[in-house]
Amino acid sequence: DAESSFLNAVNGSSVSDEIYYLLYKAALGKEDYAKAEEYIRSAVEIKNHSVEYYIELGNLLGSQEKFYEAEKVFLKALSLNENDALIKKGLGKVYFNRGEFGKAADLFENVDDDSGETAEFLAECYSQLGNNTRAREIIESLIARGFKRQNYFQFLGGQYEEAGDRERAYRHYKEAVDMEGGSSEIYY
């Protein structure tokens, strides 16, 4: 295939980190995660101060549920740039997926992204930690910022129902159903 031909052509020559990065992206596109990991590790080996490569490697390992390896990679990246939001988000997802919600929340609290994804993780962390008030505040803040997603209203409905506030629960469940285009008749 093209990758093998390319690597044979440069055999004995020095392959740059940029070439390995391009090969990594190509392998990702083909969903060949083993090759992708091999290539991004080679890029990291050549350019071991590249936060971007560490983030790519950490995210790849996390997507393969290699959470302890991903943690090590993200911690190395954090040692290179302790303020990088993408590192904190990636490491937070690792802790989240390992059920370490307190650690994840500490990291997510310091990340603001325009998509609202980090706030969703943060709200779920607080929910898992039993701080439903804080979880609701985060989701309500997202809605106030214009992120009106059906799952947010479902989440709030569940939170308020659990808290015994049937009126608010109903209102949020109704909003979720109305967003789906379904019947707004809700019984519980």
Protein backbone atom coordinates (compact mmCIF):
# COMPACT_ATOMS: atom_id res chain seq x y z
CA ASP A 1 0.00 0.00 0.00
CA ALA A 2 1.00 3.66 -0.24
CA GLU A 3 2.23 3.91 3.34
CA SER A 4 4.55 0.91 2.99
CA SER A 5 5.86 2.17 -0.34
CA PHE A 6 6.56 5.57 1.16
CA LEU A 7 8.36 4.14 4.17
CA ASN A 8 10.43 1.85 1.92
CA ALA A 9 11.37 4.82 -0.25
CA VAL A 10 12.68 6.75 2.73
CA ASN A 11 14.24 3.66 4.33
CA GLY A 12 17.58 4.65 5.73
CA SER A 13 16.70 8.32 5.47
CA SER A 14 15.58 10.36 8.39
CA VAL A 15 11.78 10.58 8.58
CA SER A 16 10.55 13.77 10.19
CA ASP A 17 7.94 14.07 12.88
CA GLU A 18 5.68 15.84 10.36
CA ILE A 19 5.77 12.78 8.07
CA TYR A 20 4.86 10.49 10.96
CA TYR A 21 2.06 12.86 11.90
CA LEU A 22 0.67 12.72 8.34
CA LEU A 23 0.93 8.92 8.38
CA TYR A 24 -0.86 8.94 11.75
CA LYS A 25 -3.71 10.99 10.28
CA ALA A 26 -3.92 8.68 7.25
CA ALA A 27 -4.03 5.59 9.49
CA LEU A 28 -6.75 7.22 11.60
CA GLY A 29 -8.74 7.87 8.44
CA LYS A 30 -8.52 4.17 7.62
CA GLU A 31 -9.43 3.30 11.23
CA ASP A 32 -6.14 1.43 11.62
CA TYR A 33 -5.63 2.41 15.24
CA ALA A 34 -2.62 0.17 15.83
CA LYS A 35 -0.73 1.85 12.95
CA ALA A 36 -2.00 5.26 14.03
CA GLU A 37 -0.62 4.67 17.52
CA GLU A 38 2.71 3.49 16.10
CA TYR A 39 3.03 6.61 13.92
CA ILE A 40 2.04 9.15 16.56
CA ARG A 41 4.42 7.51 19.04
CA SER A 42 7.19 7.89 16.43
CA ALA A 43 6.31 11.57 16.03
CA VAL A 44 6.42 12.02 19.82
CA GLU A 45 9.78 10.24 19.98
CA ILE A 46 11.27 12.62 17.40
CA LYS A 47 9.68 15.77 18.80
CA ASN A 48 9.16 15.01 22.49
CA HIS A 49 8.32 18.59 23.40
CA SER A 50 5.27 18.80 21.12
CA VAL A 51 2.17 19.25 23.25
CA GLU A 52 0.02 18.68 20.14
CA TYR A 53 1.49 15.21 19.57
CA TYR A 54 1.01 14.24 23.21
CA ILE A 55 -2.61 15.38 23.05
CA GLU A 56 -3.18 13.34 19.88
CA LEU A 57 -1.58 10.27 21.47
CA GLY A 58 -3.51 10.71 24.72
CA ASN A 59 -6.82 11.07 22.89
CA LEU A 60 -6.07 8.03 20.73
CA LEU A 61 -5.21 5.92 23.77
CA GLY A 62 -8.33 7.13 25.57
CA SER A 63 -10.51 6.26 22.58
CA GLN A 64 -9.11 2.72 22.80
CA GLU A 65 -9.89 2.63 26.54
CA LYS A 66 -6.20 2.51 27.43
CA PHE A 67 -6.90 4.95 30.23
CA TYR A 68 -3.81 4.42 32.37
CA GLU A 69 -1.49 4.89 29.39
CA ALA A 70 -3.50 7.93 28.31
CA GLU A 71 -3.17 9.38 31.81
CA LYS A 72 0.64 9.12 31.65
CA VAL A 73 0.70 10.81 28.26
CA PHE A 74 -1.55 13.66 29.36
CA LEU A 75 0.45 14.16 32.56
CA LYS A 76 3.62 14.44 30.46
CA ALA A 77 1.87 16.99 28.25
CA LEU A 78 0.69 18.88 31.34
CA SER A 79 4.31 19.06 32.52
CA LEU A 80 5.10 20.83 29.23
CA ASN A 81 2.17 23.25 29.42
CA GLU A 82 0.13 23.29 32.61
CA ASN A 83 -2.39 25.80 31.24
CA ASP A 84 -3.41 24.01 28.03
CA ALA A 85 -7.18 23.50 28.01
CA LEU A 86 -7.04 20.55 25.58
CA ILE A 87 -4.67 18.67 27.89
CA LYS A 88 -6.94 19.29 30.88
CA LYS A 89 -9.99 18.24 28.87
CA GLY A 90 -8.29 15.03 27.68
CA LEU A 91 -7.02 14.14 31.14
CA GLY A 92 -10.42 14.98 32.61
CA LYS A 93 -12.08 12.55 30.18
CA VAL A 94 -9.60 9.85 31.22
CA TYR A 95 -10.50 10.35 34.90
CA PHE A 96 -14.20 10.54 34.02
CA ASN A 97 -14.06 7.22 32.17
CA ARG A 98 -12.23 5.64 35.11
CA GLY A 99 -14.97 6.86 37.46
CA GLU A 100 -12.68 9.36 39.21
CA PHE A 101 -15.27 12.12 39.08
CA GLY A 102 -13.64 14.40 41.66
CA LYS A 103 -10.37 14.53 39.72
CA ALA A 104 -12.25 14.99 36.46
CA ALA A 105 -14.35 17.84 37.89
CA ASP A 106 -11.24 19.63 39.15
CA LEU A 107 -9.84 19.64 35.63
CA PHE A 108 -13.11 20.42 33.83
CA GLU A 109 -13.76 23.42 36.12
CA ASN A 110 -10.78 25.13 34.49
CA VAL A 111 -11.76 24.45 30.87
CA ASP A 112 -14.17 26.54 28.88
CA ASP A 113 -15.01 25.46 25.38
CA ASP A 114 -17.43 26.95 22.94
CA SER A 115 -19.20 23.65 22.28
CA GLY A 116 -20.41 23.13 25.84
CA GLU A 117 -19.03 19.57 25.83
CA THR A 118 -16.74 20.13 28.81
CA ALA A 119 -19.60 21.61 30.82
CA GLU A 120 -21.68 18.51 30.04
CA PHE A 121 -18.93 16.30 31.46
CA LEU A 122 -18.62 18.61 34.46
CA ALA A 123 -22.36 18.44 35.18
CA GLU A 124 -22.28 14.65 34.98
CA CYS A 125 -19.28 14.59 37.35
CA TYR A 126 -21.19 16.61 39.92
CA SER A 127 -24.24 14.45 39.44
CA GLN A 128 -22.14 11.32 40.06
CA LEU A 129 -20.61 12.98 43.13
CA GLY A 130 -24.11 13.69 44.50
CA ASN A 131 -23.93 17.47 44.03
CA ASN A 132 -27.08 17.73 41.95
CA THR A 133 -27.52 21.43 42.66
CA ARG A 134 -24.18 22.22 41.00
CA ALA A 135 -24.98 19.82 38.13
CA ARG A 136 -28.27 21.65 37.49
CA GLU A 137 -26.57 25.06 37.65
CA ILE A 138 -24.10 24.02 34.96
CA ILE A 139 -26.76 22.72 32.57
CA GLU A 140 -29.02 25.72 33.22
CA SER A 141 -26.03 27.95 32.43
CA LEU A 142 -25.54 26.14 29.12
CA ILE A 143 -29.20 26.65 28.24
CA ALA A 144 -28.93 30.34 29.16
CA ARG A 145 -25.93 30.59 26.81
CA GLY A 146 -28.11 29.31 23.97
CA PHE A 147 -27.27 25.61 24.08
CA LYS A 148 -30.79 24.20 23.98
CA ARG A 149 -30.36 20.49 23.51
CA GLN A 150 -33.00 17.89 24.20
CA ASN A 151 -30.74 15.88 26.50
CA TYR A 152 -30.16 18.97 28.67
CA PHE A 153 -33.87 19.29 29.34
CA GLN A 154 -34.13 15.55 29.99
CA PHE A 155 -31.21 15.79 32.41
CA LEU A 156 -32.81 18.71 34.25
CA GLY A 157 -36.17 16.94 34.33
CA GLY A 158 -34.53 13.96 35.98
CA GLN A 159 -32.59 16.12 38.40
CA TYR A 160 -35.69 18.05 39.50
CA GLU A 161 -37.77 14.89 39.70
CA GLU A 162 -35.15 13.35 41.98
CA ALA A 163 -35.19 16.52 44.08
CA GLY A 164 -38.98 16.27 44.43
CA ASP A 165 -39.74 19.39 42.37
CA ARG A 166 -42.40 17.90 40.12
CA GLU A 167 -43.39 21.23 38.55
CA ARG A 168 -39.88 21.98 37.28
CA ALA A 169 -39.37 18.35 36.30
CA TYR A 170 -42.55 18.46 34.23
CA ARG A 171 -41.56 21.74 32.58
CA HIS A 172 -38.16 20.38 31.53
CA TYR A 173 -39.50 17.03 30.36
CA LYS A 174 -42.14 18.88 28.33
CA GLU A 175 -39.47 21.06 26.74
CA ALA A 176 -37.51 17.93 25.79
CA VAL A 177 -40.57 16.29 24.23
CA ASP A 178 -41.53 19.48 22.39
CA MET A 179 -38.00 19.68 20.92
CA GLU A 180 -38.45 16.19 19.55
CA GLY A 181 -41.70 17.21 17.93
CA GLY A 182 -43.65 14.69 19.94
CA SER A 183 -46.73 15.06 22.03
CA SER A 184 -46.42 17.48 24.91
CA GLU A 185 -48.72 15.31 27.02
CA ILE A 186 -46.51 13.89 29.74
CA TYR A 187 -47.79 11.69 32.51
CA TYR A 188 -45.91 10.46 35.52
